[in-house]
Amino acid sequence: MTSFASLVHKDDQERIFLDIQEAICQRRPYRVIYRIRHRDGSERWMWEQGQAGF
């Protein structure tokens, strides 16, 4: 089974992690844009938003 995190483009992984961690520490919502690798090998852009439950 493939995890969703493993699909995120390697050049975007650290930035996304840091952005989400910062939002959690500041108790605010986050919004991130990143690329994933589609099963056909192409790149797709993703937009994600969320907030940790406080």
PDB file of N, CA and C in Angstrom:
ATOM      1  N   MET A   1       0.843  -1.184   0.000  1.00  0.00           N
ATOM      2  CA  MET A   1       0.000   0.000   0.000  1.00  0.00           C
ATOM      3  C   MET A   1       0.888   1.247   0.000  1.00  0.00           C
ATOM      4  N   THR A   2       0.544   2.224  -0.813  1.00  0.00           N
ATOM      5  CA  THR A   2       1.303   3.457  -0.931  1.00  0.00           C
ATOM      6  C   THR A   2       0.665   4.534  -0.071  1.00  0.00           C
ATOM      7  N   SER A   3       1.484   5.225   0.729  1.00  0.00           N
ATOM      8  CA  SER A   3       0.944   6.328   1.520  1.00  0.00           C
ATOM      9  C   SER A   3       0.854   7.578   0.657  1.00  0.00           C
ATOM     10  N   PHE A   4      -0.089   8.440   0.978  1.00  0.00           N
ATOM     11  CA  PHE A   4      -0.236   9.676   0.219  1.00  0.00           C
ATOM     12  C   PHE A   4       1.028  10.520   0.321  1.00  0.00           C
ATOM     13  N   ALA A   5       1.635  10.586   1.501  1.00  0.00           N
ATOM     14  CA  ALA A   5       2.845  11.392   1.701  1.00  0.00           C
ATOM     15  C   ALA A   5       3.965  10.962   0.760  1.00  0.00           C
ATOM     16  N   SER A   6       4.036   9.679   0.420  1.00  0.00           N
ATOM     17  CA  SER A   6       5.103   9.204  -0.464  1.00  0.00           C
ATOM     18  C   SER A   6       4.903   9.658  -1.911  1.00  0.00           C
ATOM     19  N   LEU A   7       3.703  10.130  -2.244  1.00  0.00           N
ATOM     20  CA  LEU A   7       3.428  10.620  -3.592  1.00  0.00           C
ATOM     21  C   LEU A   7       3.859  12.072  -3.783  1.00  0.00           C
ATOM     22  N   VAL A   8       4.061  12.803  -2.668  1.00  0.00           N
ATOM     23  CA  VAL A   8       4.430  14.218  -2.743  1.00  0.00           C
ATOM     24  C   VAL A   8       5.829  14.342  -3.336  1.00  0.00           C
ATOM     25  N   HIS A   9       5.980  15.255  -4.276  1.00  0.00           N
ATOM     26  CA  HIS A   9       7.261  15.486  -4.940  1.00  0.00           C
ATOM     27  C   HIS A   9       8.335  15.754  -3.891  1.00  0.00           C
ATOM     28  N   LYS A  10       9.492  15.128  -4.044  1.00  0.00           N
ATOM     29  CA  LYS A  10      10.552  15.233  -3.034  1.00  0.00           C
ATOM     30  C   LYS A  10      10.996  16.671  -2.804  1.00  0.00           C
ATOM     31  N   ASP A  11      10.911  17.529  -3.823  1.00  0.00           N
ATOM     32  CA  ASP A  11      11.314  18.926  -3.666  1.00  0.00           C
ATOM     33  C   ASP A  11      10.306  19.736  -2.851  1.00  0.00           C
ATOM     34  N   ASP A  12       9.102  19.206  -2.647  1.00  0.00           N
ATOM     35  CA  ASP A  12       8.063  19.917  -1.902  1.00  0.00           C
ATOM     36  C   ASP A  12       7.882  19.387  -0.481  1.00  0.00           C
ATOM     37  N   GLN A  13       8.378  18.205  -0.179  1.00  0.00           N
ATOM     38  CA  GLN A  13       8.095  17.552   1.095  1.00  0.00           C
ATOM     39  C   GLN A  13       8.521  18.355   2.319  1.00  0.00           C
ATOM     40  N   GLU A  14       9.741  18.845   2.360  1.00  0.00           N
ATOM     41  CA  GLU A  14      10.217  19.566   3.552  1.00  0.00           C
ATOM     42  C   GLU A  14       9.435  20.861   3.760  1.00  0.00           C
ATOM     43  N   ARG A  15       9.201  21.597   2.678  1.00  0.00           N
ATOM     44  CA  ARG A  15       8.478  22.866   2.785  1.00  0.00           C
ATOM     45  C   ARG A  15       7.072  22.646   3.327  1.00  0.00           C
ATOM     46  N   ILE A  16       6.382  21.640   2.817  1.00  0.00           N
ATOM     47  CA  ILE A  16       5.028  21.342   3.283  1.00  0.00           C
ATOM     48  C   ILE A  16       5.040  20.985   4.768  1.00  0.00           C
ATOM     49  N   PHE A  17       5.959  20.114   5.151  1.00  0.00           N
ATOM     50  CA  PHE A  17       6.053  19.703   6.543  1.00  0.00           C
ATOM     51  C   PHE A  17       6.266  20.923   7.444  1.00  0.00           C
ATOM     52  N   LEU A  18       7.207  21.786   7.072  1.00  0.00           N
ATOM     53  CA  LEU A  18       7.509  22.958   7.891  1.00  0.00           C
ATOM     54  C   LEU A  18       6.324  23.924   7.943  1.00  0.00           C
ATOM     55  N   ASP A  19       5.657  24.146   6.821  1.00  0.00           N
ATOM     56  CA  ASP A  19       4.503  25.043   6.791  1.00  0.00           C
ATOM     57  C   ASP A  19       3.380  24.539   7.695  1.00  0.00           C
ATOM     58  N   ILE A  20       3.105  23.253   7.627  1.00  0.00           N
ATOM     59  CA  ILE A  20       2.025  22.684   8.447  1.00  0.00           C
ATOM     60  C   ILE A  20       2.414  22.694   9.919  1.00  0.00           C
ATOM     61  N   GLN A  21       3.657  22.342  10.235  1.00  0.00           N
ATOM     62  CA  GLN A  21       4.109  22.368  11.627  1.00  0.00           C
ATOM     63  C   GLN A  21       4.020  23.772  12.216  1.00  0.00           C
ATOM     64  N   GLU A  22       4.415  24.783  11.432  1.00  0.00           N
ATOM     65  CA  GLU A  22       4.337  26.168  11.896  1.00  0.00           C
ATOM     66  C   GLU A  22       2.886  26.564  12.184  1.00  0.00           C
ATOM     67  N   ALA A  23       1.984  26.190  11.298  1.00  0.00           N
ATOM     68  CA  ALA A  23       0.566  26.507  11.498  1.00  0.00           C
ATOM     69  C   ALA A  23       0.034  25.832  12.757  1.00  0.00           C
ATOM     70  N   ILE A  24       0.427  24.594  12.987  1.00  0.00           N
ATOM     71  CA  ILE A  24      -0.024  23.880  14.185  1.00  0.00           C
ATOM     72  C   ILE A  24       0.496  24.575  15.440  1.00  0.00           C
ATOM     73  N   CYS A  25       1.775  24.945  15.437  1.00  0.00           N
ATOM     74  CA  CYS A  25       2.369  25.624  16.604  1.00  0.00           C
ATOM     75  C   CYS A  25       1.701  26.968  16.860  1.00  0.00           C
ATOM     76  N   GLN A  26       1.278  27.639  15.797  1.00  0.00           N
ATOM     77  CA  GLN A  26       0.638  28.947  15.929  1.00  0.00           C
ATOM     78  C   GLN A  26      -0.883  28.839  16.069  1.00  0.00           C
ATOM     79  N   ARG A  27      -1.370  27.605  16.081  1.00  0.00           N
ATOM     80  CA  ARG A  27      -2.800  27.330  16.237  1.00  0.00           C
ATOM     81  C   ARG A  27      -3.638  28.080  15.205  1.00  0.00           C
ATOM     82  N   ARG A  28      -3.221  27.956  13.947  1.00  0.00           N
ATOM     83  CA  ARG A  28      -3.942  28.613  12.855  1.00  0.00           C
ATOM     84  C   ARG A  28      -4.129  27.614  11.711  1.00  0.00           C
ATOM     85  N   PRO A  29      -5.074  27.892  10.824  1.00  0.00           N
ATOM     86  CA  PRO A  29      -5.260  27.020   9.655  1.00  0.00           C
ATOM     87  C   PRO A  29      -4.044  27.085   8.732  1.00  0.00           C
ATOM     88  N   TYR A  30      -3.888  26.054   7.928  1.00  0.00           N
ATOM     89  CA  TYR A  30      -2.809  26.054   6.938  1.00  0.00           C
ATOM     90  C   TYR A  30      -3.381  25.876   5.541  1.00  0.00           C
ATOM     91  N   ARG A  31      -2.626  26.377   4.575  1.00  0.00           N
ATOM     92  CA  ARG A  31      -2.924  26.175   3.147  1.00  0.00           C
ATOM     93  C   ARG A  31      -1.595  25.916   2.464  1.00  0.00           C
ATOM     94  N   VAL A  32      -1.504  24.818   1.738  1.00  0.00           N
ATOM     95  CA  VAL A  32      -0.270  24.471   1.039  1.00  0.00           C
ATOM     96  C   VAL A  32      -0.587  24.050  -0.396  1.00  0.00           C
ATOM     97  N   ILE A  33       0.357  24.320  -1.265  1.00  0.00           N
ATOM     98  CA  ILE A  33       0.271  23.907  -2.666  1.00  0.00           C
ATOM     99  C   ILE A  33       1.519  23.079  -2.951  1.00  0.00           C
ATOM    100  N   TYR A  34       1.331  21.922  -3.566  1.00  0.00           N
ATOM    101  CA  TYR A  34       2.460  21.026  -3.817  1.00  0.00           C
ATOM    102  C   TYR A  34       2.145  20.123  -5.008  1.00  0.00           C
ATOM    103  N   ARG A  35       3.171  19.424  -5.434  1.00  0.00           N
ATOM    104  CA  ARG A  35       3.035  18.498  -6.561  1.00  0.00           C
ATOM    105  C   ARG A  35       3.014  17.058  -6.047  1.00  0.00           C
ATOM    106  N   ILE A  36       2.248  16.227  -6.738  1.00  0.00           N
ATOM    107  CA  ILE A  36       2.297  14.792  -6.481  1.00  0.00           C
ATOM    108  C   ILE A  36       2.650  14.088  -7.787  1.00  0.00           C
ATOM    109  N   ARG A  37       3.150  12.867  -7.649  1.00  0.00           N
ATOM    110  CA  ARG A  37       3.429  12.024  -8.805  1.00  0.00           C
ATOM    111  C   ARG A  37       2.204  11.149  -9.058  1.00  0.00           C
ATOM    112  N   HIS A  38       1.619  11.304 -10.220  1.00  0.00           N
ATOM    113  CA  HIS A  38       0.470  10.491 -10.608  1.00  0.00           C
ATOM    114  C   HIS A  38       0.972   9.111 -11.014  1.00  0.00           C
ATOM    115  N   ARG A  39       0.115   8.115 -10.992  1.00  0.00           N
ATOM    116  CA  ARG A  39       0.550   6.757 -11.330  1.00  0.00           C
ATOM    117  C   ARG A  39       1.083   6.633 -12.750  1.00  0.00           C
ATOM    118  N   ASP A  40       0.680   7.561 -13.652  1.00  0.00           N
ATOM    119  CA  ASP A  40       1.216   7.509 -15.018  1.00  0.00           C
ATOM    120  C   ASP A  40       2.569   8.227 -15.140  1.00  0.00           C
ATOM    121  N   GLY A  41       3.102   8.728 -14.012  1.00  0.00           N
ATOM    122  CA  GLY A  41       4.405   9.380 -13.995  1.00  0.00           C
ATOM    123  C   GLY A  41       4.358  10.891 -14.129  1.00  0.00           C
ATOM    124  N   SER A  42       3.189  11.431 -14.460  1.00  0.00           N
ATOM    125  CA  SER A  42       3.078  12.883 -14.603  1.00  0.00           C
ATOM    126  C   SER A  42       2.965  13.546 -13.227  1.00  0.00           C
ATOM    127  N   GLU A  43       3.174  14.857 -13.209  1.00  0.00           N
ATOM    128  CA  GLU A  43       3.028  15.626 -11.980  1.00  0.00           C
ATOM    129  C   GLU A  43       1.664  16.304 -11.978  1.00  0.00           C
ATOM    130  N   ARG A  44       1.058  16.352 -10.813  1.00  0.00           N
ATOM    131  CA  ARG A  44      -0.216  17.039 -10.636  1.00  0.00           C
ATOM    132  C   ARG A  44      -0.062  18.020  -9.475  1.00  0.00           C
ATOM    133  N   TRP A  45      -0.657  19.183  -9.617  1.00  0.00           N
ATOM    134  CA  TRP A  45      -0.621  20.172  -8.545  1.00  0.00           C
ATOM    135  C   TRP A  45      -1.795  19.937  -7.617  1.00  0.00           C
ATOM    136  N   MET A  46      -1.518  20.035  -6.310  1.00  0.00           N
ATOM    137  CA  MET A  46      -2.533  19.842  -5.280  1.00  0.00           C
ATOM    138  C   MET A  46      -2.604  21.092  -4.419  1.00  0.00           C
ATOM    139  N   TRP A  47      -3.780  21.397  -3.939  1.00  0.00           N
ATOM    140  CA  TRP A  47      -4.000  22.489  -3.007  1.00  0.00           C
ATOM    141  C   TRP A  47      -4.695  21.882  -1.803  1.00  0.00           C
ATOM    142  N   GLU A  48      -4.171  22.141  -0.623  1.00  0.00           N
ATOM    143  CA  GLU A  48      -4.702  21.509   0.579  1.00  0.00           C
ATOM    144  C   GLU A  48      -4.840  22.568   1.664  1.00  0.00           C
ATOM    145  N   GLN A  49      -5.891  22.433   2.422  1.00  0.00           N
ATOM    146  CA  GLN A  49      -6.062  23.301   3.583  1.00  0.00           C
ATOM    147  C   GLN A  49      -6.539  22.453   4.746  1.00  0.00           C
ATOM    148  N   GLY A  50      -6.259  22.920   5.941  1.00  0.00           N
ATOM    149  CA  GLY A  50      -6.677  22.188   7.115  1.00  0.00           C
ATOM    150  C   GLY A  50      -6.367  22.942   8.380  1.00  0.00           C
ATOM    151  N   GLN A  51      -6.710  22.346   9.481  1.00  0.00           N
ATOM    152  CA  GLN A  51      -6.431  22.916  10.796  1.00  0.00           C
ATOM    153  C   GLN A  51      -6.441  21.784  11.794  1.00  0.00           C
ATOM    154  N   ALA A  52      -5.466  21.814  12.680  1.00  0.00           N
ATOM    155  CA  ALA A  52      -5.405  20.798  13.726  1.00  0.00           C
ATOM    156  C   ALA A  52      -6.530  21.040  14.719  1.00  0.00           C
ATOM    157  N   GLY A  53      -7.068  19.985  15.272  1.00  0.00           N
ATOM    158  CA  GLY A  53      -8.097  20.137  16.299  1.00  0.00           C
ATOM    159  C   GLY A  53      -7.471  20.593  17.603  1.00  0.00           C
ATOM    160  N   PHE A  54      -7.915  21.712  18.106  1.00  0.00           N
ATOM    161  CA  PHE A  54      -7.303  22.264  19.332  1.00  0.00           C
ATOM    162  C   PHE A  54      -8.207  22.040  20.510  1.00  0.00           C
TER     163      PHE A  54
END
